[in-house]
Structure formats: C-alpha cells, structure tokens
C-alpha atoms as a PDB file:
ATOM      1  CA  UNK A   1      -4.964  37.873  -8.720  1.00  0.00           C
ATOM      2  CA  UNK A   2      -2.806  35.392 -10.598  1.00  0.00           C
ATOM      3  CA  UNK A   3      -1.785  32.051  -9.094  1.00  0.00           C
ATOM      4  CA  UNK A   4       1.564  30.292  -9.476  1.00  0.00           C
ATOM      5  CA  UNK A   5       2.385  26.818  -8.210  1.00  0.00           C
ATOM      6  CA  UNK A   6       5.812  25.804  -7.003  1.00  0.00           C
ATOM      7  CA  UNK A   7       7.467  22.691  -8.371  1.00  0.00           C
ATOM      8  CA  UNK A   8      10.760  20.897  -7.926  1.00  0.00           C
ATOM      9  CA  UNK A   9      12.578  18.350  -5.829  1.00  0.00           C
ATOM     10  CA  UNK A  10      11.953  18.267  -2.080  1.00  0.00           C
ATOM     11  CA  UNK A  11      14.499  20.354  -0.215  1.00  0.00           C
ATOM     12  CA  UNK A  12      15.295  22.606  -3.171  1.00  0.00           C
ATOM     13  CA  UNK A  13      13.840  25.690  -1.524  1.00  0.00           C
ATOM     14  CA  UNK A  14      10.267  26.031  -2.805  1.00  0.00           C
ATOM     15  CA  UNK A  15       8.798  26.769   0.617  1.00  0.00           C
ATOM     16  CA  UNK A  16      11.674  29.106   1.468  1.00  0.00           C
ATOM     17  CA  UNK A  17      10.997  31.076  -1.725  1.00  0.00           C
ATOM     18  CA  UNK A  18       7.299  31.392  -0.892  1.00  0.00           C
ATOM     19  CA  UNK A  19       8.183  32.480   2.649  1.00  0.00           C
ATOM     20  CA  UNK A  20      10.732  35.039   1.375  1.00  0.00           C
ATOM     21  CA  UNK A  21       8.283  36.435  -1.188  1.00  0.00           C
ATOM     22  CA  UNK A  22       5.137  36.486   0.963  1.00  0.00           C
ATOM     23  CA  UNK A  23       6.234  36.469   4.593  1.00  0.00           C
ATOM     24  CA  UNK A  24       3.935  33.471   5.105  1.00  0.00           C
ATOM     25  CA  UNK A  25       4.639  29.828   5.768  1.00  0.00           C
ATOM     26  CA  UNK A  26       3.870  27.319   3.050  1.00  0.00           C
ATOM     27  CA  UNK A  27       0.187  26.425   3.076  1.00  0.00           C
ATOM     28  CA  UNK A  28      -0.733  29.357   5.312  1.00  0.00           C
ATOM     29  CA  UNK A  29      -3.712  31.388   4.070  1.00  0.00           C
ATOM     30  CA  UNK A  30      -2.724  34.617   2.391  1.00  0.00           C
ATOM     31  CA  UNK A  31       0.475  33.365   0.753  1.00  0.00           C
ATOM     32  CA  UNK A  32       0.538  36.114  -1.846  1.00  0.00           C
ATOM     33  CA  UNK A  33       2.786  39.017  -2.682  1.00  0.00           C
ATOM     34  CA  UNK A  34       2.425  42.376  -4.345  1.00  0.00           C
ATOM     35  CA  UNK A  35       4.837  42.604  -7.250  1.00  0.00           C
ATOM     36  CA  UNK A  36       6.759  45.766  -8.252  1.00  0.00           C
ATOM     37  CA  UNK A  37       4.036  46.672 -10.795  1.00  0.00           C
ATOM     38  CA  UNK A  38       1.302  46.403  -8.175  1.00  0.00           C
ATOM     39  CA  UNK A  39      -0.011  43.089  -9.516  1.00  0.00           C
ATOM     40  CA  UNK A  40      -0.736  40.477  -6.860  1.00  0.00           C
ATOM     41  CA  UNK A  41       0.519  36.935  -7.172  1.00  0.00           C
ATOM     42  CA  UNK A  42      -0.630  34.017  -5.002  1.00  0.00           C
ATOM     43  CA  UNK A  43       1.348  30.807  -4.511  1.00  0.00           C
ATOM     44  CA  UNK A  44       0.313  27.187  -4.205  1.00  0.00           C
ATOM     45  CA  UNK A  45       3.317  25.562  -2.572  1.00  0.00           C
ATOM     46  CA  UNK A  46       3.236  21.993  -3.854  1.00  0.00           C
ATOM     47  CA  UNK A  47       5.125  19.291  -1.918  1.00  0.00           C
ATOM     48  CA  UNK A  48       8.281  17.944  -3.510  1.00  0.00           C
ATOM     49  CA  UNK A  49       8.714  14.417  -2.196  1.00  0.00           C
ATOM     50  CA  UNK A  50       7.807  11.425  -4.371  1.00  0.00           C
ATOM     51  CA  UNK A  51       4.868  10.360  -2.164  1.00  0.00           C
ATOM     52  CA  UNK A  52       3.286  13.766  -2.721  1.00  0.00           C
ATOM     53  CA  UNK A  53       2.957  13.772  -6.516  1.00  0.00           C
ATOM     54  CA  UNK A  54      -0.873  13.562  -6.234  1.00  0.00           C
ATOM     55  CA  UNK A  55      -0.872  16.630  -3.946  1.00  0.00           C
ATOM     56  CA  UNK A  56       1.469  18.411  -6.349  1.00  0.00           C
ATOM     57  CA  UNK A  57      -0.929  17.666  -9.222  1.00  0.00           C
ATOM     58  CA  UNK A  58      -3.895  18.948  -7.224  1.00  0.00           C
ATOM     59  CA  UNK A  59      -2.007  22.145  -6.429  1.00  0.00           C
ATOM     60  CA  UNK A  60      -0.704  22.672  -9.944  1.00  0.00           C
ATOM     61  CA  UNK A  61      -3.915  21.927 -11.835  1.00  0.00           C
ATOM     62  CA  UNK A  62      -5.663  25.281 -11.342  1.00  0.00           C
ATOM     63  CA  UNK A  63      -2.510  27.425 -11.630  1.00  0.00           C
ATOM     64  CA  UNK A  64      -1.584  28.756 -15.083  1.00  0.00           C
ATOM     65  CA  UNK A  65       2.105  29.140 -14.220  1.00  0.00           C
ATOM     66  CA  UNK A  66       4.936  27.542 -12.278  1.00  0.00           C
ATOM     67  CA  UNK A  67       7.858  28.665 -10.166  1.00  0.00           C
ATOM     68  CA  UNK A  68      10.303  25.806 -10.763  1.00  0.00           C
ATOM     69  CA  UNK A  69      13.053  25.448  -8.151  1.00  0.00           C
ATOM     70  CA  UNK A  70      16.365  23.704  -8.833  1.00  0.00           C
ATOM     71  CA  UNK A  71      19.046  23.907  -6.131  1.00  0.00           C
ATOM     72  CA  UNK A  72      22.486  25.105  -7.226  1.00  0.00           C
ATOM     73  CA  UNK A  73      24.202  22.646  -4.902  1.00  0.00           C
ATOM     74  CA  UNK A  74      22.323  19.541  -6.127  1.00  0.00           C
ATOM     75  CA  UNK A  75      21.149  20.372  -9.637  1.00  0.00           C
ATOM     76  CA  UNK A  76      18.386  18.617 -11.508  1.00  0.00           C
ATOM     77  CA  UNK A  77      16.862  15.679  -9.624  1.00  0.00           C
ATOM     78  CA  UNK A  78      14.445  12.889 -10.585  1.00  0.00           C
ATOM     79  CA  UNK A  79      11.571  14.509  -8.670  1.00  0.00           C
ATOM     80  CA  UNK A  80      12.086  17.727 -10.639  1.00  0.00           C
ATOM     81  CA  UNK A  81      11.673  15.719 -13.832  1.00  0.00           C
ATOM     82  CA  UNK A  82       8.497  14.095 -12.508  1.00  0.00           C
ATOM     83  CA  UNK A  83       7.089  17.508 -11.661  1.00  0.00           C
ATOM     84  CA  UNK A  84       8.010  18.759 -15.131  1.00  0.00           C
ATOM     85  CA  UNK A  85       6.237  15.793 -16.749  1.00  0.00           C
ATOM     86  CA  UNK A  86       3.173  16.391 -14.591  1.00  0.00           C
ATOM     87  CA  UNK A  87       3.138  20.086 -15.450  1.00  0.00           C
ATOM     88  CA  UNK A  88       3.406  19.222 -19.130  1.00  0.00           C
ATOM     89  CA  UNK A  89       0.421  16.888 -18.837  1.00  0.00           C
ATOM     90  CA  UNK A  90      -1.527  19.719 -17.190  1.00  0.00           C
ATOM     91  CA  UNK A  91      -0.641  22.070 -20.042  1.00  0.00           C
ATOM     92  CA  UNK A  92       1.680  24.434 -18.142  1.00  0.00           C
ATOM     93  CA  UNK A  93       3.161  26.937 -20.594  1.00  0.00           C
ATOM     94  CA  UNK A  94       4.340  29.772 -18.353  1.00  0.00           C
ATOM     95  CA  UNK A  95       6.958  29.868 -15.646  1.00  0.00           C
ATOM     96  CA  UNK A  96      10.072  31.163 -13.973  1.00  0.00           C
ATOM     97  CA  UNK A  97      13.051  28.997 -13.091  1.00  0.00           C
ATOM     98  CA  UNK A  98      14.621  29.790  -9.717  1.00  0.00           C
ATOM     99  CA  UNK A  99      18.097  28.340  -9.242  1.00  0.00           C
ATOM    100  CA  UNK A 100      18.031  28.315  -5.462  1.00  0.00           C
ATOM    101  CA  UNK A 101      20.787  28.064  -2.871  1.00  0.00           C
ATOM    102  CA  UNK A 102      23.057  30.220  -5.028  1.00  0.00           C
ATOM    103  CA  UNK A 103      24.956  31.017  -1.818  1.00  0.00           C
ATOM    104  CA  UNK A 104      25.907  27.329  -1.458  1.00  0.00           C
ATOM    105  CA  UNK A 105      27.227  26.657  -4.985  1.00  0.00           C
ATOM    106  CA  UNK A 106      27.793  28.303  -8.339  1.00  0.00           C
ATOM    107  CA  UNK A 107      24.380  28.219 -10.056  1.00  0.00           C
ATOM    108  CA  UNK A 108      25.787  27.869 -13.611  1.00  0.00           C
ATOM    109  CA  UNK A 109      25.832  24.055 -13.747  1.00  0.00           C
ATOM    110  CA  UNK A 110      22.316  23.713 -12.297  1.00  0.00           C
ATOM    111  CA  UNK A 111      21.071  26.353 -14.744  1.00  0.00           C
ATOM    112  CA  UNK A 112      22.642  24.490 -17.680  1.00  0.00           C
ATOM    113  CA  UNK A 113      21.119  21.173 -16.493  1.00  0.00           C
ATOM    114  CA  UNK A 114      17.692  22.770 -16.148  1.00  0.00           C
ATOM    115  CA  UNK A 115      17.888  24.442 -19.566  1.00  0.00           C
ATOM    116  CA  UNK A 116      18.820  21.072 -21.135  1.00  0.00           C
ATOM    117  CA  UNK A 117      15.894  19.311 -19.400  1.00  0.00           C
ATOM    118  CA  UNK A 118      13.432  22.074 -20.311  1.00  0.00           C
ATOM    119  CA  UNK A 119      14.414  22.027 -24.008  1.00  0.00           C
ATOM    120  CA  UNK A 120      11.648  20.417 -26.002  1.00  0.00           C
ATOM    121  CA  UNK A 121       8.967  21.272 -23.427  1.00  0.00           C
ATOM    122  CA  UNK A 122       6.412  24.063 -23.367  1.00  0.00           C
ATOM    123  CA  UNK A 123       8.460  25.651 -20.556  1.00  0.00           C
ATOM    124  CA  UNK A 124      11.676  25.915 -22.597  1.00  0.00           C
ATOM    125  CA  UNK A 125      13.176  29.357 -22.575  1.00  0.00           C
ATOM    126  CA  UNK A 126      11.453  30.465 -19.381  1.00  0.00           C
ATOM    127  CA  UNK A 127      13.247  33.216 -17.537  1.00  0.00           C
ATOM    128  CA  UNK A 128      15.788  32.019 -14.967  1.00  0.00           C
ATOM    129  CA  UNK A 129      17.040  33.739 -11.824  1.00  0.00           C
ATOM    130  CA  UNK A 130      19.735  32.633  -9.366  1.00  0.00           C
ATOM    131  CA  UNK A 131      18.586  33.252  -5.798  1.00  0.00           C
ATOM    132  CA  UNK A 132      19.347  32.606  -2.167  1.00  0.00           C
ATOM    133  CA  UNK A 133      16.452  32.907   0.227  1.00  0.00           C
ATOM    134  CA  UNK A 134      19.003  32.617   3.072  1.00  0.00           C
ATOM    135  CA  UNK A 135      20.935  35.752   2.062  1.00  0.00           C
ATOM    136  CA  UNK A 136      18.279  37.507  -0.020  1.00  0.00           C
ATOM    137  CA  UNK A 137      20.536  37.538  -3.079  1.00  0.00           C
ATOM    138  CA  UNK A 138      18.510  37.639  -6.281  1.00  0.00           C
ATOM    139  CA  UNK A 139      15.125  37.983  -4.570  1.00  0.00           C
ATOM    140  CA  UNK A 140      14.474  41.394  -6.159  1.00  0.00           C
ATOM    141  CA  UNK A 141      15.366  39.869  -9.535  1.00  0.00           C
ATOM    142  CA  UNK A 142      12.973  36.996  -8.841  1.00  0.00           C
ATOM    143  CA  UNK A 143      10.159  39.416  -7.952  1.00  0.00           C
ATOM    144  CA  UNK A 144      10.810  41.304 -11.207  1.00  0.00           C
ATOM    145  CA  UNK A 145      10.799  38.053 -13.220  1.00  0.00           C
ATOM    146  CA  UNK A 146       7.534  37.006 -11.562  1.00  0.00           C
ATOM    147  CA  UNK A 147       6.123  40.443 -12.370  1.00  0.00           C
ATOM    148  CA  UNK A 148       6.963  39.974 -16.065  1.00  0.00           C
ATOM    149  CA  UNK A 149       5.451  36.480 -15.898  1.00  0.00           C
ATOM    150  CA  UNK A 150       2.219  37.720 -14.273  1.00  0.00           C
ATOM    151  CA  UNK A 151       1.836  40.382 -16.966  1.00  0.00           C
ATOM    152  CA  UNK A 152       1.869  37.654 -19.664  1.00  0.00           C
ATOM    153  CA  UNK A 153      -0.615  35.298 -18.022  1.00  0.00           C
ATOM    154  CA  UNK A 154      -4.166  34.932 -19.302  1.00  0.00           C
ATOM    155  CA  UNK A 155      -6.834  36.729 -17.310  1.00  0.00           C
ATOM    156  CA  UNK A 156      -7.948  34.370 -14.528  1.00  0.00           C
ATOM    157  CA  UNK A 157     -11.499  33.028 -14.410  1.00  0.00           C
END
C-alpha cells in the first residue's frame, strides 16, 4: 500500500478530502481508499496551522507523495508555501494538486497561483484537479489522478 500525506493551509479542505476519499475522519485508523485500478492508497492527514509544522513534517517524512490542497476561494497562502518548503527539504517529488472548494469560487486563479509557486520545485507540473468535497464535484477525477500517481511511486519498503 502506498502512502500520501496531505499538505496545505489550514481550512483548505485536506481533512474533508481524506474523509470524502476514505469515509474516515482525519487521524482515524484505516484512512485508506481503494483506487479505480485496485491499488490501495493510505493518507497521513497533516495539520495545516502554523503551530503544527513539526507534526506536518513528522507525517510527511515517511510518505513518498503529497496531496497538496489549495482552496479556490482563498488561493495560495503562506502556510501552503511553508508546507511546500518542508516537502522540498524532505525530498518530495510526487504529488497531486487539489484545488478545493471549487463550488465556492472559480478554481482558475488558485490553480494559476499554485502553478506559479510550484515552478522551480520538484513538484512542478504535478497533475491538478478542481474538486468540491461538499458537492462531490471532481472527486472521481481526483481518485483517477491519485491512481495515476500511485502507479508511478516507488515500491514501498
């Protein structure tokens, strides 16, 4: 089973994505999903507030990939940048960008901001999906993107 950590600013929908994908609350044992291909993917839902950067690092360290959340209605935030820097220091090279809350605002601006911030990092060019965990819009596309991501990840130890 592959493991993906969540990253992004607090309140940008990381926990809601994990809940929508797994049916489990953040931090609850068994927060994993079976992807369309049959591969299983587990999630480490890292906290997003600035006091929790150490916990985010602990959660992200063993995971080879990231699900980066940026809310359509707020765009890129300082905490997202701090998470990105931390992930870079940990050597993260694989990920999916979820532009969340696509029901609350047009995701195009947040996607453009994220692409600009990711340029020049190992996560540049990662697949992006606009989603709303509230309405379910884009969740099938997110599962498919995570499936493609899981297929590219190195075999876990």
